[in-house]
Amino acid sequence: MKNMVIIPAYKPNKELITLVEELHGEGVGIVVVDDGSGPEYGSIFEAITEKAKIVTIVCNAGKGTALKTGMQTLINEFPDCENFVTADADGQHKTADIMRVFNELERGAEFVLTVRKFRDNMPFRSKFGNALSRWIYTILNGHYLVDNQSGLRGFLSKHLKWLVKVGGYKYDYEMNVLYYADKQGVQITTIPIEAIYIDNNSSSHFNPVKDTFRIYTRLFYSARITFAAWLLIEQMLIYVSVVWGYINMYITIPTIGATGVAFTITLNKFVVFRGYAYKDFLRTIIYTVLRYSVYTIGLTIFKFNLPWVPLFFSFNLIVILMIPAEYFVHKFLYLSKYNDIIKDR
């Protein structure tokens, strides 16, 4: 089967039956992963056995595990699959939108990320979670995505080998996939969809506290070299600030930046992304050059107007002030490319 849909399902309702029937009518293959729902939900899975491949995980292991189980099933049992889409089981995604993702893949996209319209009917926890994740992901990774938590995604099957290796077992997996895609230079194409929220999304198993904590813990762990580089830079800044201050800063500051970027690229290449096609060299270097150019300009202003402020403090103040500026620059770049998606947000 050329086109396949993976649906992770934990204690689903009849919306799953409707979704499977509609997708079957569109002529796509379907893998439904029963993520430890239990025998009381057996009738729902029984109703779709003739139209979908059912894979059962005995004990609930989380959405990430269910997705990777479905992907491994594609590798093992559906070698002819060229494109696949992941969709939720709760009826949130329209069949028409799922087919639009396939159309985008057919047109040459490698990784399609759908963007939900953040209307008034979107539950508050979803709106707040998306707003927070946009800021954190953009600042941490330098890539603005208006909706980085959407579960409706499409991939070329050539990406299966690395997707099944990405860390994360629950909702943290999907955010981590975006991070790993970015670091490998995989182009992420976004398209708008209309999400459906039944009974204020009461069927969702997302825990706003536990799962949000898990998502960012996983993301920060994947980005641990970024934090390590920041600590190295801070130590170098303290030394430079104490020994030279603003003297020779046009040499010391670029040297600190070059050391930090070399540290980041080397450890990401040979530690975090060992075994992956790490290709984030150029983007990391360009961002570093731009950032340190702005930092140097800011330090020049401090040097001639507030020379009594230690370089260490002035540098970090500039970094803090630059955080919202960087966010809105990345948002502007996204807006210029996907204006039809973001204009209603």
Protein backbone atom coordinates (compact mmCIF):
# COMPACT_ATOMS: atom_id res chain seq x y z
CA MET A 1 0.00 0.00 0.00
CA LYS A 2 1.49 3.32 -1.10
CA ASN A 3 -0.25 5.60 1.43
CA MET A 4 -0.69 4.57 5.07
CA VAL A 5 -2.23 6.17 8.15
CA ILE A 6 -1.05 5.41 11.69
CA ILE A 7 -3.64 5.99 14.43
CA PRO A 8 -2.53 5.60 18.08
CA ALA A 9 -5.60 4.79 20.16
CA TYR A 10 -6.02 4.68 23.92
CA LYS A 11 -9.54 4.03 25.21
CA PRO A 12 -11.12 5.33 21.99
CA ASN A 13 -14.78 6.07 21.37
CA LYS A 14 -16.86 5.47 18.25
CA GLU A 15 -15.17 8.39 16.50
CA LEU A 16 -12.35 5.95 15.71
CA ILE A 17 -14.75 3.66 13.84
CA THR A 18 -16.04 6.57 11.77
CA LEU A 19 -12.51 7.75 10.97
CA VAL A 20 -11.33 4.29 9.90
CA GLU A 21 -14.39 3.75 7.69
CA GLU A 22 -13.88 7.10 5.97
CA LEU A 23 -10.16 6.53 5.43
CA HIS A 24 -10.80 3.03 4.11
CA GLY A 25 -13.18 4.58 1.62
CA GLU A 26 -10.38 6.83 0.43
CA GLY A 27 -8.27 3.79 -0.42
CA VAL A 28 -5.46 4.27 2.08
CA GLY A 29 -3.94 1.61 4.33
CA ILE A 30 -4.54 1.96 8.06
CA VAL A 31 -2.58 0.82 11.11
CA VAL A 32 -4.37 1.31 14.43
CA VAL A 33 -2.24 0.85 17.55
CA ASP A 34 -4.27 -0.16 20.60
CA ASP A 35 -2.18 1.37 23.36
CA GLY A 36 -3.34 -0.83 26.23
CA SER A 37 -6.98 0.25 26.12
CA GLY A 38 -8.18 -2.90 27.88
CA PRO A 39 -10.84 -5.54 27.11
CA GLU A 40 -13.77 -3.15 27.64
CA TYR A 41 -12.78 -1.38 24.41
CA GLY A 42 -12.43 -4.59 22.44
CA SER A 43 -15.73 -4.07 20.60
CA ILE A 44 -14.47 -0.83 19.05
CA PHE A 45 -11.31 -2.46 17.73
CA GLU A 46 -13.27 -5.51 16.61
CA ALA A 47 -15.50 -3.26 14.51
CA ILE A 48 -12.53 -2.08 12.40
CA THR A 49 -10.49 -5.29 12.05
CA GLU A 50 -11.54 -5.81 8.44
CA LYS A 51 -10.53 -2.29 7.42
CA ALA A 52 -7.37 -1.72 9.44
CA LYS A 53 -4.32 -3.53 10.74
CA ILE A 54 -4.66 -3.66 14.54
CA VAL A 55 -1.47 -3.74 16.60
CA THR A 56 -1.93 -4.22 20.34
CA ILE A 57 0.29 -3.00 23.16
CA VAL A 58 -0.79 -4.91 26.26
CA CYS A 59 -0.14 -2.13 28.80
CA ASN A 60 -0.57 1.57 28.12
CA ALA A 61 2.87 2.85 27.08
CA GLY A 62 2.10 6.36 25.80
CA LYS A 63 1.43 8.07 22.50
CA GLY A 64 5.09 8.21 21.48
CA THR A 65 5.50 4.46 21.95
CA ALA A 66 2.27 3.81 20.05
CA LEU A 67 3.43 5.98 17.15
CA LYS A 68 6.82 4.28 17.00
CA THR A 69 5.13 0.87 17.19
CA GLY A 70 3.00 1.82 14.20
CA MET A 71 6.06 3.07 12.31
CA GLN A 72 7.95 -0.15 13.02
CA THR A 73 4.93 -2.04 11.69
CA LEU A 74 5.22 -0.10 8.43
CA ILE A 75 8.91 -1.02 8.20
CA ASN A 76 8.26 -4.71 8.88
CA GLU A 77 4.99 -5.36 7.08
CA PHE A 78 4.41 -2.62 4.51
CA PRO A 79 7.65 -2.22 2.54
CA ASP A 80 5.76 -0.67 -0.40
CA CYS A 81 4.61 2.29 1.71
CA GLU A 82 5.89 5.59 0.30
CA ASN A 83 4.01 8.14 2.40
CA PHE A 84 2.42 7.92 5.82
CA VAL A 85 0.34 10.16 8.04
CA THR A 86 -0.16 10.10 11.80
CA ALA A 87 -3.63 11.08 13.04
CA ASP A 88 -5.44 11.12 16.37
CA ALA A 89 -8.21 8.66 17.21
CA ASP A 90 -10.60 11.11 18.88
CA GLY A 91 -12.18 12.59 15.76
CA GLN A 92 -10.20 15.84 15.98
CA HIS A 93 -8.88 15.47 12.43
CA LYS A 94 -11.12 15.52 9.37
CA THR A 95 -10.60 12.85 6.74
CA ALA A 96 -10.43 15.60 4.12
CA ASP A 97 -7.49 17.20 5.97
CA ILE A 98 -5.71 13.86 6.27
CA MET A 99 -6.00 13.45 2.51
CA ARG A 100 -4.68 17.01 2.05
CA VAL A 101 -1.55 15.96 3.91
CA PHE A 102 -1.11 13.06 1.48
CA ASN A 103 -1.57 15.48 -1.43
CA GLU A 104 1.17 17.70 -0.03
CA LEU A 105 3.51 14.71 0.24
CA GLU A 106 2.69 13.75 -3.33
CA ARG A 107 3.69 17.26 -4.39
CA GLY A 108 7.17 16.81 -2.94
CA ALA A 109 7.00 17.72 0.76
CA GLU A 110 9.15 15.60 3.09
CA PHE A 111 7.52 16.40 6.41
CA VAL A 112 4.07 18.00 6.64
CA LEU A 113 3.02 19.61 9.90
CA THR A 114 -0.61 20.71 10.11
CA VAL A 115 -1.58 23.95 11.81
CA ARG A 116 -4.85 24.17 13.70
CA LYS A 117 -6.94 27.33 13.69
CA PHE A 118 -6.87 28.70 17.22
CA ARG A 119 -10.51 29.71 17.35
CA ASP A 120 -12.65 30.45 20.40
CA ASN A 121 -13.72 26.80 20.57
CA MET A 122 -10.17 25.63 21.23
CA PRO A 123 -9.82 24.62 24.90
CA PHE A 124 -7.82 27.08 27.01
CA ARG A 125 -5.22 24.45 27.94
CA SER A 126 -4.53 23.88 24.23
CA LYS A 127 -4.20 27.60 23.51
CA PHE A 128 -1.92 28.21 26.48
CA GLY A 129 0.19 25.11 25.76
CA ASN A 130 0.71 26.17 22.15
CA ALA A 131 1.63 29.74 23.07
CA LEU A 132 4.20 28.54 25.61
CA SER A 133 5.68 25.92 23.30
CA ARG A 134 6.01 28.42 20.44
CA TRP A 135 8.17 30.69 22.59
CA ILE A 136 10.31 27.94 24.06
CA TYR A 137 10.84 26.06 20.80
CA THR A 138 11.62 29.23 18.82
CA ILE A 139 14.17 30.58 21.28
CA LEU A 140 15.77 27.19 21.86
CA ASN A 141 15.94 26.07 18.24
CA GLY A 142 15.70 29.19 16.12
CA HIS A 143 12.66 27.98 14.15
CA TYR A 144 9.19 29.45 14.61
CA LEU A 145 6.30 27.02 14.15
CA VAL A 146 2.86 28.41 14.87
CA ASP A 147 1.54 25.03 16.02
CA ASN A 148 4.20 22.55 17.08
CA GLN A 149 1.82 20.28 19.00
CA SER A 150 -0.53 19.20 16.21
CA GLY A 151 -0.86 15.42 15.98
CA LEU A 152 -1.76 15.35 12.29
CA ARG A 153 1.54 14.99 10.44
CA GLY A 154 2.80 13.43 7.23
CA PHE A 155 6.17 12.00 6.26
CA LEU A 156 7.93 10.35 3.37
CA SER A 157 8.63 6.76 4.38
CA LYS A 158 12.37 7.27 3.96
CA HIS A 159 12.30 9.02 7.35
CA LEU A 160 11.01 5.96 9.21
CA LYS A 161 14.48 4.74 10.16
CA TRP A 162 15.31 7.80 12.24
CA LEU A 163 11.78 8.44 13.47
CA VAL A 164 11.66 5.11 15.33
CA LYS A 165 14.92 6.02 17.12
CA VAL A 166 13.91 9.45 18.42
CA GLY A 167 13.53 9.58 22.19
CA GLY A 168 10.17 10.08 23.87
CA TYR A 169 7.44 7.70 24.97
CA LYS A 170 4.40 9.85 25.53
CA TYR A 171 3.45 13.32 24.23
CA ASP A 172 7.10 14.36 24.48
CA TYR A 173 7.90 12.30 21.39
CA GLU A 174 6.14 14.57 18.91
CA MET A 175 7.95 17.73 20.00
CA ASN A 176 11.23 15.85 19.95
CA VAL A 177 10.58 14.75 16.37
CA LEU A 178 10.42 18.41 15.31
CA TYR A 179 13.72 19.13 17.03
CA TYR A 180 15.45 16.17 15.39
CA ALA A 181 13.99 17.06 11.99
CA ASP A 182 15.33 20.61 12.29
CA LYS A 183 18.79 19.42 13.26
CA GLN A 184 18.89 17.08 10.27
CA GLY A 185 17.83 19.80 7.85
CA VAL A 186 14.49 18.16 7.05
CA GLN A 187 12.22 20.75 5.47
CA ILE A 188 9.01 21.13 7.51
CA THR A 189 6.03 22.20 5.39
CA THR A 190 2.99 23.56 7.24
CA ILE A 191 -0.61 23.57 6.04
CA PRO A 192 -3.75 24.87 7.82
CA ILE A 193 -6.52 22.57 9.04
CA GLU A 194 -9.76 22.95 10.95
CA ALA A 195 -9.50 21.00 14.20
CA ILE A 196 -12.64 19.58 15.79
CA TYR A 197 -13.07 19.72 19.56
CA ILE A 198 -15.83 17.42 20.79
CA ASP A 199 -17.14 18.26 24.30
CA ASN A 200 -14.26 20.71 24.81
CA ASN A 201 -11.81 17.94 23.93
CA SER A 202 -12.86 15.94 27.00
CA SER A 203 -11.70 12.69 25.39
CA SER A 204 -8.08 13.85 25.38
CA HIS A 205 -5.74 11.97 27.71
CA PHE A 206 -3.26 14.87 27.86
CA ASN A 207 -2.36 15.85 31.43
CA PRO A 208 -1.61 19.61 31.40
CA VAL A 209 0.90 19.38 34.27
CA LYS A 210 2.61 16.02 33.93
CA ASP A 211 2.71 15.90 30.13
CA THR A 212 3.81 19.52 29.74
CA PHE A 213 6.65 18.89 32.20
CA ARG A 214 7.57 15.71 30.32
CA ILE A 215 7.56 17.48 26.93
CA TYR A 216 9.97 20.22 28.02
CA THR A 217 12.16 17.88 30.01
CA ARG A 218 12.65 15.78 26.88
CA LEU A 219 13.21 18.86 24.69
CA PHE A 220 15.75 20.35 27.09
CA TYR A 221 17.55 17.03 27.27
CA SER A 222 17.80 16.88 23.47
CA ALA A 223 19.12 20.45 23.54
CA ARG A 224 21.55 19.76 26.39
CA ILE A 225 24.57 20.77 24.30
CA THR A 226 23.03 24.21 23.84
CA PHE A 227 22.85 24.63 27.61
CA ALA A 228 26.38 23.25 28.05
CA ALA A 229 27.65 25.73 25.47
CA TRP A 230 25.90 28.53 27.32
CA LEU A 231 27.67 27.56 30.58
CA LEU A 232 31.01 27.51 28.76
CA ILE A 233 30.35 30.94 27.29
CA GLU A 234 29.37 32.32 30.71
CA GLN A 235 32.61 31.07 32.23
CA MET A 236 34.64 32.65 29.43
CA LEU A 237 32.73 35.90 29.87
CA ILE A 238 33.53 36.00 33.59
CA TYR A 239 37.23 35.54 32.84
CA VAL A 240 37.28 38.18 30.09
CA SER A 241 35.24 40.58 32.22
CA VAL A 242 37.64 40.27 35.18
CA VAL A 243 40.93 40.29 33.21
CA TRP A 244 40.28 42.69 30.33
CA GLY A 245 36.80 44.15 30.65
CA TYR A 246 35.94 46.11 27.51
CA ILE A 247 39.58 46.17 26.36
CA ASN A 248 40.09 44.11 23.22
CA MET A 249 36.39 43.18 23.21
CA TYR A 250 36.36 43.24 19.40
CA ILE A 251 38.66 40.22 19.64
CA THR A 252 37.50 38.52 22.84
CA ILE A 253 33.75 38.57 22.13
CA PRO A 254 33.98 37.07 18.60
CA THR A 255 36.43 34.50 20.01
CA ILE A 256 33.91 33.51 22.69
CA GLY A 257 31.22 33.19 20.03
CA ALA A 258 33.44 31.08 17.77
CA THR A 259 34.37 28.81 20.68
CA GLY A 260 30.72 28.36 21.63
CA VAL A 261 29.58 27.49 18.12
CA ALA A 262 32.48 25.07 17.60
CA PHE A 263 31.62 23.38 20.89
CA THR A 264 27.92 23.15 19.95
CA ILE A 265 28.44 21.75 16.47
CA THR A 266 31.11 19.24 17.49
CA LEU A 267 29.20 17.74 20.42
CA ASN A 268 25.88 17.70 18.58
CA LYS A 269 27.49 15.97 15.62
CA PHE A 270 29.36 13.32 17.59
CA VAL A 271 27.28 12.94 20.76
CA VAL A 272 23.59 13.90 20.61
CA PHE A 273 23.01 13.21 16.92
CA ARG A 274 25.49 10.41 16.47
CA GLY A 275 23.85 8.02 14.02
CA TYR A 276 21.63 10.75 12.56
CA ALA A 277 22.19 12.95 9.52
CA TYR A 278 23.12 16.08 11.49
CA LYS A 279 23.13 19.03 9.08
CA ASP A 280 22.63 22.09 11.27
CA PHE A 281 26.14 23.48 10.74
CA LEU A 282 25.38 26.43 8.46
CA ARG A 283 22.26 27.59 10.29
CA THR A 284 24.05 27.49 13.65
CA ILE A 285 27.02 29.46 12.29
CA ILE A 286 24.82 32.10 10.64
CA TYR A 287 22.74 32.62 13.79
CA THR A 288 25.90 32.90 15.89
CA VAL A 289 27.46 35.50 13.58
CA LEU A 290 24.26 37.57 13.60
CA ARG A 291 23.82 37.32 17.36
CA TYR A 292 27.41 38.23 18.20
CA SER A 293 27.37 41.13 15.77
CA VAL A 294 24.41 42.55 17.69
CA TYR A 295 26.05 41.74 21.03
CA THR A 296 29.22 43.56 19.98
CA ILE A 297 27.25 46.63 18.91
CA GLY A 298 25.43 46.62 22.25
CA LEU A 299 28.67 46.26 24.18
CA THR A 300 30.13 49.20 22.25
CA ILE A 301 27.22 51.32 23.49
CA PHE A 302 27.91 50.22 27.06
CA LYS A 303 31.65 50.83 26.65
CA PHE A 304 31.20 54.48 25.71
CA ASN A 305 28.16 55.31 27.84
CA LEU A 306 28.22 53.00 30.87
CA PRO A 307 31.83 51.79 31.17
CA TRP A 308 31.39 51.14 34.91
CA VAL A 309 28.98 48.25 34.20
CA PRO A 310 31.03 45.02 34.10
CA LEU A 311 31.14 43.41 30.66
CA PHE A 312 29.67 40.18 32.04
CA PHE A 313 26.49 41.94 33.16
CA SER A 314 26.11 44.14 30.10
CA PHE A 315 26.53 41.14 27.79
CA ASN A 316 23.85 39.12 29.60
CA LEU A 317 21.48 42.09 29.68
CA ILE A 318 21.79 42.39 25.91
CA VAL A 319 21.13 38.65 25.54
CA ILE A 320 17.95 38.94 27.63
CA LEU A 321 16.73 41.93 25.62
CA MET A 322 17.41 40.04 22.42
CA ILE A 323 15.20 37.06 23.33
CA PRO A 324 11.84 38.66 22.38
CA ALA A 325 13.49 40.36 19.40
CA GLU A 326 14.70 36.98 18.07
CA TYR A 327 11.27 35.45 18.60
CA PHE A 328 9.49 38.13 16.57
CA VAL A 329 12.10 38.03 13.82
CA HIS A 330 11.55 34.29 13.40
CA LYS A 331 7.80 34.84 13.53
CA PHE A 332 8.07 37.51 10.83
CA LEU A 333 10.09 35.17 8.61
CA TYR A 334 7.45 32.47 9.06
CA LEU A 335 4.66 34.97 8.40
CA SER A 336 6.27 36.10 5.15
CA LYS A 337 6.18 32.50 3.90
CA TYR A 338 2.93 31.20 5.41
CA ASN A 339 0.78 34.31 5.67
CA ASP A 340 -2.39 32.35 4.86
CA ILE A 341 -1.82 30.11 7.90
CA ILE A 342 -0.90 32.60 10.58
CA LYS A 343 -3.12 35.58 9.72
CA ASP A 344 -6.08 34.23 11.72
CA ARG A 345 -4.07 33.31 14.81
